[in-house]
mmCIF file of all heavy atoms, coordinates in Angstrom:
data_MODEL
# 
_entry.id   MODEL 
# 
loop_
_atom_site.group_PDB 
_atom_site.id 
_atom_site.type_symbol 
_atom_site.label_atom_id 
_atom_site.label_alt_id 
_atom_site.label_comp_id 
_atom_site.label_asym_id 
_atom_site.label_entity_id 
_atom_site.label_seq_id 
_atom_site.pdbx_PDB_ins_code 
_atom_site.Cartn_x 
_atom_site.Cartn_y 
_atom_site.Cartn_z 
_atom_site.occupancy 
_atom_site.B_iso_or_equiv 
_atom_site.pdbx_formal_charge 
_atom_site.auth_seq_id 
_atom_site.auth_comp_id 
_atom_site.auth_asym_id 
_atom_site.auth_atom_id 
_atom_site.pdbx_PDB_model_num 
ATOM 1   N N   . SER A 1 1  ? 0.794   -1.227 0.000  1.00 0.00 ? 1  SER A N   1 
ATOM 2   C CA  . SER A 1 1  ? 0.000   0.000  0.000  1.00 0.00 ? 1  SER A CA  1 
ATOM 3   C C   . SER A 1 1  ? 0.828   1.279  0.000  1.00 0.00 ? 1  SER A C   1 
ATOM 4   O O   . SER A 1 1  ? 0.390   2.299  -0.504 1.00 0.00 ? 1  SER A O   1 
ATOM 5   C CB  . SER A 1 1  ? -0.934  0.018  1.209  1.00 0.00 ? 1  SER A CB  1 
ATOM 6   O OG  . SER A 1 1  ? -0.180  0.123  2.416  1.00 0.00 ? 1  SER A OG  1 
ATOM 7   N N   . THR A 1 2  ? 2.022   1.227  0.561  1.00 0.00 ? 2  THR A N   1 
ATOM 8   C CA  . THR A 1 2  ? 2.812   2.434  0.791  1.00 0.00 ? 2  THR A CA  1 
ATOM 9   C C   . THR A 1 2  ? 4.149   2.350  0.072  1.00 0.00 ? 2  THR A C   1 
ATOM 10  O O   . THR A 1 2  ? 4.809   1.316  0.079  1.00 0.00 ? 2  THR A O   1 
ATOM 11  C CB  . THR A 1 2  ? 3.057   2.626  2.306  1.00 0.00 ? 2  THR A CB  1 
ATOM 12  O OG1 . THR A 1 2  ? 1.790   2.635  2.979  1.00 0.00 ? 2  THR A OG1 1 
ATOM 13  C CG2 . THR A 1 2  ? 3.786   3.913  2.608  1.00 0.00 ? 2  THR A CG2 1 
ATOM 14  N N   . VAL A 1 3  ? 4.541   3.477  -0.537 1.00 0.00 ? 3  VAL A N   1 
ATOM 15  C CA  . VAL A 1 3  ? 5.843   3.591  -1.189 1.00 0.00 ? 3  VAL A CA  1 
ATOM 16  C C   . VAL A 1 3  ? 6.708   4.521  -0.348 1.00 0.00 ? 3  VAL A C   1 
ATOM 17  O O   . VAL A 1 3  ? 6.246   5.575  0.106  1.00 0.00 ? 3  VAL A O   1 
ATOM 18  C CB  . VAL A 1 3  ? 5.700   4.151  -2.620 1.00 0.00 ? 3  VAL A CB  1 
ATOM 19  C CG1 . VAL A 1 3  ? 7.049   4.457  -3.238 1.00 0.00 ? 3  VAL A CG1 1 
ATOM 20  C CG2 . VAL A 1 3  ? 4.926   3.169  -3.490 1.00 0.00 ? 3  VAL A CG2 1 
ATOM 21  N N   . LEU A 1 4  ? 7.951   4.127  -0.132 1.00 0.00 ? 4  LEU A N   1 
ATOM 22  C CA  . LEU A 1 4  ? 8.928   4.979  0.529  1.00 0.00 ? 4  LEU A CA  1 
ATOM 23  C C   . LEU A 1 4  ? 9.848   5.534  -0.549 1.00 0.00 ? 4  LEU A C   1 
ATOM 24  O O   . LEU A 1 4  ? 10.313  4.787  -1.404 1.00 0.00 ? 4  LEU A O   1 
ATOM 25  C CB  . LEU A 1 4  ? 9.742   4.173  1.545  1.00 0.00 ? 4  LEU A CB  1 
ATOM 26  C CG  . LEU A 1 4  ? 10.831  4.986  2.243  1.00 0.00 ? 4  LEU A CG  1 
ATOM 27  C CD1 . LEU A 1 4  ? 10.742  4.820  3.740  1.00 0.00 ? 4  LEU A CD1 1 
ATOM 28  C CD2 . LEU A 1 4  ? 12.190  4.616  1.726  1.00 0.00 ? 4  LEU A CD2 1 
ATOM 29  N N   . SER A 1 5  ? 10.068  6.849  -0.521 1.00 0.00 ? 5  SER A N   1 
ATOM 30  C CA  . SER A 1 5  ? 11.023  7.456  -1.451 1.00 0.00 ? 5  SER A CA  1 
ATOM 31  C C   . SER A 1 5  ? 12.152  8.078  -0.652 1.00 0.00 ? 5  SER A C   1 
ATOM 32  O O   . SER A 1 5  ? 11.927  8.708  0.375  1.00 0.00 ? 5  SER A O   1 
ATOM 33  C CB  . SER A 1 5  ? 10.342  8.501  -2.337 1.00 0.00 ? 5  SER A CB  1 
ATOM 34  O OG  . SER A 1 5  ? 9.790   9.544  -1.575 1.00 0.00 ? 5  SER A OG  1 
ATOM 35  N N   . ALA A 1 6  ? 13.364  7.872  -1.126 1.00 0.00 ? 6  ALA A N   1 
ATOM 36  C CA  . ALA A 1 6  ? 14.553  8.473  -0.531 1.00 0.00 ? 6  ALA A CA  1 
ATOM 37  C C   . ALA A 1 6  ? 15.060  9.513  -1.512 1.00 0.00 ? 6  ALA A C   1 
ATOM 38  O O   . ALA A 1 6  ? 15.238  9.219  -2.701 1.00 0.00 ? 6  ALA A O   1 
ATOM 39  C CB  . ALA A 1 6  ? 15.621  7.411  -0.284 1.00 0.00 ? 6  ALA A CB  1 
ATOM 40  N N   . GLY A 1 7  ? 15.262  10.734 -1.028 1.00 0.00 ? 7  GLY A N   1 
ATOM 41  C CA  . GLY A 1 7  ? 15.676  11.810 -1.908 1.00 0.00 ? 7  GLY A CA  1 
ATOM 42  C C   . GLY A 1 7  ? 17.086  12.285 -1.635 1.00 0.00 ? 7  GLY A C   1 
ATOM 43  O O   . GLY A 1 7  ? 17.629  12.096 -0.546 1.00 0.00 ? 7  GLY A O   1 
ATOM 44  N N   . ALA A 1 8  ? 17.666  12.947 -2.630 1.00 0.00 ? 8  ALA A N   1 
ATOM 45  C CA  . ALA A 1 8  ? 18.985  13.557 -2.475 1.00 0.00 ? 8  ALA A CA  1 
ATOM 46  C C   . ALA A 1 8  ? 18.924  14.745 -1.517 1.00 0.00 ? 8  ALA A C   1 
ATOM 47  O O   . ALA A 1 8  ? 19.957  15.244 -1.086 1.00 0.00 ? 8  ALA A O   1 
ATOM 48  C CB  . ALA A 1 8  ? 19.522  13.999 -3.833 1.00 0.00 ? 8  ALA A CB  1 
ATOM 49  N N   . ASP A 1 9  ? 17.721  15.157 -1.144 1.00 0.00 ? 9  ASP A N   1 
ATOM 50  C CA  . ASP A 1 9  ? 17.546  16.215 -0.140 1.00 0.00 ? 9  ASP A CA  1 
ATOM 51  C C   . ASP A 1 9  ? 17.647  15.654 1.279  1.00 0.00 ? 9  ASP A C   1 
ATOM 52  O O   . ASP A 1 9  ? 17.359  16.336 2.242  1.00 0.00 ? 9  ASP A O   1 
ATOM 53  C CB  . ASP A 1 9  ? 16.207  16.935 -0.341 1.00 0.00 ? 9  ASP A CB  1 
ATOM 54  C CG  . ASP A 1 9  ? 15.008  15.999 -0.291 1.00 0.00 ? 9  ASP A CG  1 
ATOM 55  O OD1 . ASP A 1 9  ? 15.179  14.789 -0.029 1.00 0.00 ? 9  ASP A OD1 1 
ATOM 56  O OD2 . ASP A 1 9  ? 13.881  16.478 -0.538 1.00 0.00 ? 9  ASP A OD2 1 
ATOM 57  N N   . GLU A 1 10 ? 18.069  14.378 1.379  1.00 0.00 ? 10 GLU A N   1 
ATOM 58  C CA  . GLU A 1 10 ? 18.273  13.679 2.644  1.00 0.00 ? 10 GLU A CA  1 
ATOM 59  C C   . GLU A 1 10 ? 16.980  13.493 3.431  1.00 0.00 ? 10 GLU A C   1 
ATOM 60  O O   . GLU A 1 10 ? 16.963  13.510 4.661  1.00 0.00 ? 10 GLU A O   1 
ATOM 61  C CB  . GLU A 1 10 ? 19.349  14.373 3.490  1.00 0.00 ? 10 GLU A CB  1 
ATOM 62  C CG  . GLU A 1 10 ? 20.693  14.410 2.794  1.00 0.00 ? 10 GLU A CG  1 
ATOM 63  C CD  . GLU A 1 10 ? 21.793  15.042 3.622  1.00 0.00 ? 10 GLU A CD  1 
ATOM 64  O OE1 . GLU A 1 10 ? 21.541  15.459 4.773  1.00 0.00 ? 10 GLU A OE1 1 
ATOM 65  O OE2 . GLU A 1 10 ? 22.922  15.113 3.101  1.00 0.00 ? 10 GLU A OE2 1 
ATOM 66  N N   . THR A 1 11 ? 15.868  13.297 2.705  1.00 0.00 ? 11 THR A N   1 
ATOM 67  C CA  . THR A 1 11 ? 14.596  13.003 3.358  1.00 0.00 ? 11 THR A CA  1 
ATOM 68  C C   . THR A 1 11 ? 14.063  11.665 2.872  1.00 0.00 ? 11 THR A C   1 
ATOM 69  O O   . THR A 1 11 ? 14.343  11.242 1.746  1.00 0.00 ? 11 THR A O   1 
ATOM 70  C CB  . THR A 1 11 ? 13.528  14.083 3.085  1.00 0.00 ? 11 THR A CB  1 
ATOM 71  O OG1 . THR A 1 11 ? 13.213  14.085 1.686  1.00 0.00 ? 11 THR A OG1 1 
ATOM 72  C CG2 . THR A 1 11 ? 13.976  15.452 3.540  1.00 0.00 ? 11 THR A CG2 1 
ATOM 73  N N   . LEU A 1 12 ? 13.324  11.010 3.738  1.00 0.00 ? 12 LEU A N   1 
ATOM 74  C CA  . LEU A 1 12 ? 12.550  9.823  3.402  1.00 0.00 ? 12 LEU A CA  1 
ATOM 75  C C   . LEU A 1 12 ? 11.093  10.233 3.472  1.00 0.00 ? 12 LEU A C   1 
ATOM 76  O O   . LEU A 1 12 ? 10.678  10.884 4.435  1.00 0.00 ? 12 LEU A O   1 
ATOM 77  C CB  . LEU A 1 12 ? 12.808  8.683  4.395  1.00 0.00 ? 12 LEU A CB  1 
ATOM 78  C CG  . LEU A 1 12 ? 14.241  8.170  4.490  1.00 0.00 ? 12 LEU A CG  1 
ATOM 79  C CD1 . LEU A 1 12 ? 14.347  7.129  5.599  1.00 0.00 ? 12 LEU A CD1 1 
ATOM 80  C CD2 . LEU A 1 12 ? 14.685  7.579  3.163  1.00 0.00 ? 12 LEU A CD2 1 
ATOM 81  N N   . ARG A 1 13 ? 10.327  9.862  2.470  1.00 0.00 ? 13 ARG A N   1 
ATOM 82  C CA  . ARG A 1 13 ? 8.911   10.221 2.460  1.00 0.00 ? 13 ARG A CA  1 
ATOM 83  C C   . ARG A 1 13 ? 8.084   8.962  2.235  1.00 0.00 ? 13 ARG A C   1 
ATOM 84  O O   . ARG A 1 13 ? 8.445   8.108  1.430  1.00 0.00 ? 13 ARG A O   1 
ATOM 85  C CB  . ARG A 1 13 ? 8.621   11.249 1.379  1.00 0.00 ? 13 ARG A CB  1 
ATOM 86  C CG  . ARG A 1 13 ? 9.331   12.568 1.650  1.00 0.00 ? 13 ARG A CG  1 
ATOM 87  C CD  . ARG A 1 13 ? 9.023   13.621 0.620  1.00 0.00 ? 13 ARG A CD  1 
ATOM 88  N NE  . ARG A 1 13 ? 9.787   14.822 0.880  1.00 0.00 ? 13 ARG A NE  1 
ATOM 89  C CZ  . ARG A 1 13 ? 9.372   15.846 1.637  1.00 0.00 ? 13 ARG A CZ  1 
ATOM 90  N NH1 . ARG A 1 13 ? 8.195   15.806 2.206  1.00 0.00 ? 13 ARG A NH1 1 
ATOM 91  N NH2 . ARG A 1 13 ? 10.147  16.896 1.813  1.00 0.00 ? 13 ARG A NH2 1 
ATOM 92  N N   . LEU A 1 14 ? 6.981   8.866  2.969  1.00 0.00 ? 14 LEU A N   1 
ATOM 93  C CA  . LEU A 1 14 ? 6.050   7.747  2.829  1.00 0.00 ? 14 LEU A CA  1 
ATOM 94  C C   . LEU A 1 14 ? 4.814   8.241  2.093  1.00 0.00 ? 14 LEU A C   1 
ATOM 95  O O   . LEU A 1 14 ? 4.243   9.277  2.449  1.00 0.00 ? 14 LEU A O   1 
ATOM 96  C CB  . LEU A 1 14 ? 5.665   7.193  4.203  1.00 0.00 ? 14 LEU A CB  1 
ATOM 97  C CG  . LEU A 1 14 ? 6.817   6.583  4.998  1.00 0.00 ? 14 LEU A CG  1 
ATOM 98  C CD1 . LEU A 1 14 ? 6.402   6.309  6.424  1.00 0.00 ? 14 LEU A CD1 1 
ATOM 99  C CD2 . LEU A 1 14 ? 7.296   5.303  4.323  1.00 0.00 ? 14 LEU A CD2 1 
ATOM 100 N N   . TRP A 1 15 ? 4.401   7.466  1.101  1.00 0.00 ? 15 TRP A N   1 
ATOM 101 C CA  . TRP A 1 15 ? 3.265   7.830  0.255  1.00 0.00 ? 15 TRP A CA  1 
ATOM 102 C C   . TRP A 1 15 ? 2.274   6.681  0.247  1.00 0.00 ? 15 TRP A C   1 
ATOM 103 O O   . TRP A 1 15 ? 2.616   5.568  -0.135 1.00 0.00 ? 15 TRP A O   1 
ATOM 104 C CB  . TRP A 1 15 ? 3.731   8.100  -1.174 1.00 0.00 ? 15 TRP A CB  1 
ATOM 105 C CG  . TRP A 1 15 ? 4.909   9.015  -1.307 1.00 0.00 ? 15 TRP A CG  1 
ATOM 106 C CD1 . TRP A 1 15 ? 6.233   8.675  -1.279 1.00 0.00 ? 15 TRP A CD1 1 
ATOM 107 C CD2 . TRP A 1 15 ? 4.877   10.434 -1.500 1.00 0.00 ? 15 TRP A CD2 1 
ATOM 108 N NE1 . TRP A 1 15 ? 7.016   9.787  -1.447 1.00 0.00 ? 15 TRP A NE1 1 
ATOM 109 C CE2 . TRP A 1 15 ? 6.209   10.884 -1.590 1.00 0.00 ? 15 TRP A CE2 1 
ATOM 110 C CE3 . TRP A 1 15 ? 3.852   11.376 -1.624 1.00 0.00 ? 15 TRP A CE3 1 
ATOM 111 C CZ2 . TRP A 1 15 ? 6.552   12.211 -1.789 1.00 0.00 ? 15 TRP A CZ2 1 
ATOM 112 C CZ3 . TRP A 1 15 ? 4.189   12.704 -1.821 1.00 0.00 ? 15 TRP A CZ3 1 
ATOM 113 C CH2 . TRP A 1 15 ? 5.517   13.117 -1.902 1.00 0.00 ? 15 TRP A CH2 1 
ATOM 114 N N   . LYS A 1 16 ? 1.033   6.928  0.657  1.00 0.00 ? 16 LYS A N   1 
ATOM 115 C CA  . LYS A 1 16 ? -0.035  5.923  0.594  1.00 0.00 ? 16 LYS A CA  1 
ATOM 116 C C   . LYS A 1 16 ? -0.568  5.914  -0.839 1.00 0.00 ? 16 LYS A C   1 
ATOM 117 O O   . LYS A 1 16 ? -1.514  6.610  -1.161 1.00 0.00 ? 16 LYS A O   1 
ATOM 118 C CB  . LYS A 1 16 ? -1.160  6.262  1.575  1.00 0.00 ? 16 LYS A CB  1 
ATOM 119 C CG  . LYS A 1 16 ? -0.810  6.019  3.013  1.00 0.00 ? 16 LYS A CG  1 
ATOM 120 C CD  . LYS A 1 16 ? -0.962  4.567  3.316  1.00 0.00 ? 16 LYS A CD  1 
ATOM 121 C CE  . LYS A 1 16 ? -0.898  4.343  4.806  1.00 0.00 ? 16 LYS A CE  1 
ATOM 122 N NZ  . LYS A 1 16 ? -0.862  2.931  5.115  1.00 0.00 ? 16 LYS A NZ  1 
ATOM 123 N N   . CYS A 1 17 ? 0.066   5.127  -1.685 1.00 0.00 ? 17 CYS A N   1 
ATOM 124 C CA  . CYS A 1 17 ? -0.230  5.153  -3.122 1.00 0.00 ? 17 CYS A CA  1 
ATOM 125 C C   . CYS A 1 17 ? -1.207  4.080  -3.571 1.00 0.00 ? 17 CYS A C   1 
ATOM 126 O O   . CYS A 1 17 ? -2.016  4.315  -4.463 1.00 0.00 ? 17 CYS A O   1 
ATOM 127 C CB  . CYS A 1 17 ? 1.060   4.948  -3.913 1.00 0.00 ? 17 CYS A CB  1 
ATOM 128 S SG  . CYS A 1 17 ? 2.282   6.199  -3.644 1.00 0.00 ? 17 CYS A SG  1 
ATOM 129 N N   . PHE A 1 18 ? -1.110  2.909  -2.998 1.00 0.00 ? 18 PHE A N   1 
ATOM 130 C CA  . PHE A 1 18 ? -1.810  1.761  -3.542 1.00 0.00 ? 18 PHE A CA  1 
ATOM 131 C C   . PHE A 1 18 ? -2.714  1.089  -2.516 1.00 0.00 ? 18 PHE A C   1 
ATOM 132 O O   . PHE A 1 18 ? -2.832  -0.126 -2.482 1.00 0.00 ? 18 PHE A O   1 
ATOM 133 C CB  . PHE A 1 18 ? -0.799  0.753  -4.098 1.00 0.00 ? 18 PHE A CB  1 
ATOM 134 C CG  . PHE A 1 18 ? 0.132   1.330  -5.124 1.00 0.00 ? 18 PHE A CG  1 
ATOM 135 C CD1 . PHE A 1 18 ? 1.508   1.309  -4.927 1.00 0.00 ? 18 PHE A CD1 1 
ATOM 136 C CD2 . PHE A 1 18 ? -0.357  1.907  -6.283 1.00 0.00 ? 18 PHE A CD2 1 
ATOM 137 C CE1 . PHE A 1 18 ? 2.371   1.831  -5.882 1.00 0.00 ? 18 PHE A CE1 1 
ATOM 138 C CE2 . PHE A 1 18 ? 0.496   2.436  -7.232 1.00 0.00 ? 18 PHE A CE2 1 
ATOM 139 C CZ  . PHE A 1 18 ? 1.858   2.403  -7.032 1.00 0.00 ? 18 PHE A CZ  1 
ATOM 140 N N   . VAL A 1 19 ? -3.389  1.887  -1.693 1.00 0.00 ? 19 VAL A N   1 
ATOM 141 C CA  . VAL A 1 19 ? -4.300  1.351  -0.686 1.00 0.00 ? 19 VAL A CA  1 
ATOM 142 C C   . VAL A 1 19 ? -5.502  0.758  -1.411 1.00 0.00 ? 19 VAL A C   1 
ATOM 143 O O   . VAL A 1 19 ? -6.066  1.380  -2.313 1.00 0.00 ? 19 VAL A O   1 
ATOM 144 C CB  . VAL A 1 19 ? -4.750  2.463  0.290  1.00 0.00 ? 19 VAL A CB  1 
ATOM 145 C CG1 . VAL A 1 19 ? -5.757  1.926  1.295  1.00 0.00 ? 19 VAL A CG1 1 
ATOM 146 C CG2 . VAL A 1 19 ? -3.544  3.053  0.991  1.00 0.00 ? 19 VAL A CG2 1 
ATOM 147 N N   . LEU A 1 20 ? -5.871  -0.439 -1.018 1.00 0.00 ? 20 LEU A N   1 
ATOM 148 C CA  . LEU A 1 20 ? -7.002  -1.121 -1.639 1.00 0.00 ? 20 LEU A CA  1 
ATOM 149 C C   . LEU A 1 20 ? -8.288  -0.366 -1.334 1.00 0.00 ? 20 LEU A C   1 
ATOM 150 O O   . LEU A 1 20 ? -8.553  -0.005 -0.187 1.00 0.00 ? 20 LEU A O   1 
ATOM 151 C CB  . LEU A 1 20 ? -7.087  -2.566 -1.135 1.00 0.00 ? 20 LEU A CB  1 
ATOM 152 C CG  . LEU A 1 20 ? -8.087  -3.476 -1.829 1.00 0.00 ? 20 LEU A CG  1 
ATOM 153 C CD1 . LEU A 1 20 ? -7.778  -3.591 -3.322 1.00 0.00 ? 20 LEU A CD1 1 
ATOM 154 C CD2 . LEU A 1 20 ? -8.081  -4.847 -1.203 1.00 0.00 ? 20 LEU A CD2 1 
ATOM 155 N N   . ASP A 1 21 ? -9.081  -0.108 -2.359 1.00 0.00 ? 21 ASP A N   1 
ATOM 156 C CA  . ASP A 1 21 ? -10.367 0.572  -2.225 1.00 0.00 ? 21 ASP A CA  1 
ATOM 157 C C   . ASP A 1 21 ? -11.270 -0.258 -1.301 1.00 0.00 ? 21 ASP A C   1 
ATOM 158 O O   . ASP A 1 21 ? -11.484 -1.444 -1.561 1.00 0.00 ? 21 ASP A O   1 
ATOM 159 C CB  . ASP A 1 21 ? -10.990 0.725  -3.615 1.00 0.00 ? 21 ASP A CB  1 
ATOM 160 C CG  . ASP A 1 21 ? -12.350 1.375  -3.608 1.00 0.00 ? 21 ASP A CG  1 
ATOM 161 O OD1 . ASP A 1 21 ? -12.792 1.861  -2.552 1.00 0.00 ? 21 ASP A OD1 1 
ATOM 162 O OD2 . ASP A 1 21 ? -12.978 1.408  -4.681 1.00 0.00 ? 21 ASP A OD2 1 
ATOM 163 N N   . PRO A 1 22 ? -11.807 0.330  -0.207 1.00 0.00 ? 22 PRO A N   1 
ATOM 164 C CA  . PRO A 1 22 ? -12.641 -0.433 0.737  1.00 0.00 ? 22 PRO A CA  1 
ATOM 165 C C   . PRO A 1 22 ? -13.841 -1.107 0.064  1.00 0.00 ? 22 PRO A C   1 
ATOM 166 O O   . PRO A 1 22 ? -14.204 -2.222 0.425  1.00 0.00 ? 22 PRO A O   1 
ATOM 167 C CB  . PRO A 1 22 ? -13.102 0.613  1.753  1.00 0.00 ? 22 PRO A CB  1 
ATOM 168 C CG  . PRO A 1 22 ? -12.137 1.733  1.634  1.00 0.00 ? 22 PRO A CG  1 
ATOM 169 C CD  . PRO A 1 22 ? -11.631 1.711  0.226  1.00 0.00 ? 22 PRO A CD  1 
ATOM 170 N N   . ALA A 1 23 ? -14.455 -0.459 -0.914 1.00 0.00 ? 23 ALA A N   1 
ATOM 171 C CA  . ALA A 1 23 ? -15.602 -1.067 -1.611 1.00 0.00 ? 23 ALA A CA  1 
ATOM 172 C C   . ALA A 1 23 ? -15.164 -2.306 -2.380 1.00 0.00 ? 23 ALA A C   1 
ATOM 173 O O   . ALA A 1 23 ? -15.856 -3.324 -2.389 1.00 0.00 ? 23 ALA A O   1 
ATOM 174 C CB  . ALA A 1 23 ? -16.233 -0.051 -2.565 1.00 0.00 ? 23 ALA A CB  1 
ATOM 175 N N   . LYS A 1 24 ? -14.001 -2.233 -3.002 1.00 0.00 ? 24 LYS A N   1 
ATOM 176 C CA  . LYS A 1 24 ? -13.466 -3.373 -3.746 1.00 0.00 ? 24 LYS A CA  1 
ATOM 177 C C   . LYS A 1 24 ? -13.120 -4.511 -2.787 1.00 0.00 ? 24 LYS A C   1 
ATOM 178 O O   . LYS A 1 24 ? -13.383 -5.672 -3.058 1.00 0.00 ? 24 LYS A O   1 
ATOM 179 C CB  . LYS A 1 24 ? -12.224 -2.937 -4.527 1.00 0.00 ? 24 LYS A CB  1 
ATOM 180 C CG  . LYS A 1 24 ? -11.708 -3.959 -5.496 1.00 0.00 ? 24 LYS A CG  1 
ATOM 181 C CD  . LYS A 1 24 ? -10.458 -3.436 -6.171 1.00 0.00 ? 24 LYS A CD  1 
ATOM 182 C CE  . LYS A 1 24 ? -10.613 -3.466 -7.659 1.00 0.00 ? 24 LYS A CE  1 
ATOM 183 N NZ  . LYS A 1 24 ? -9.382  -3.076 -8.353 1.00 0.00 ? 24 LYS A NZ  1 
# 
């Protein structure tokens, strides 16, 4: 469900990209 991105700005970011649709 979640993607972690590591940037050259020295940050880690978590993105809820692929959460399963509750209706589905």
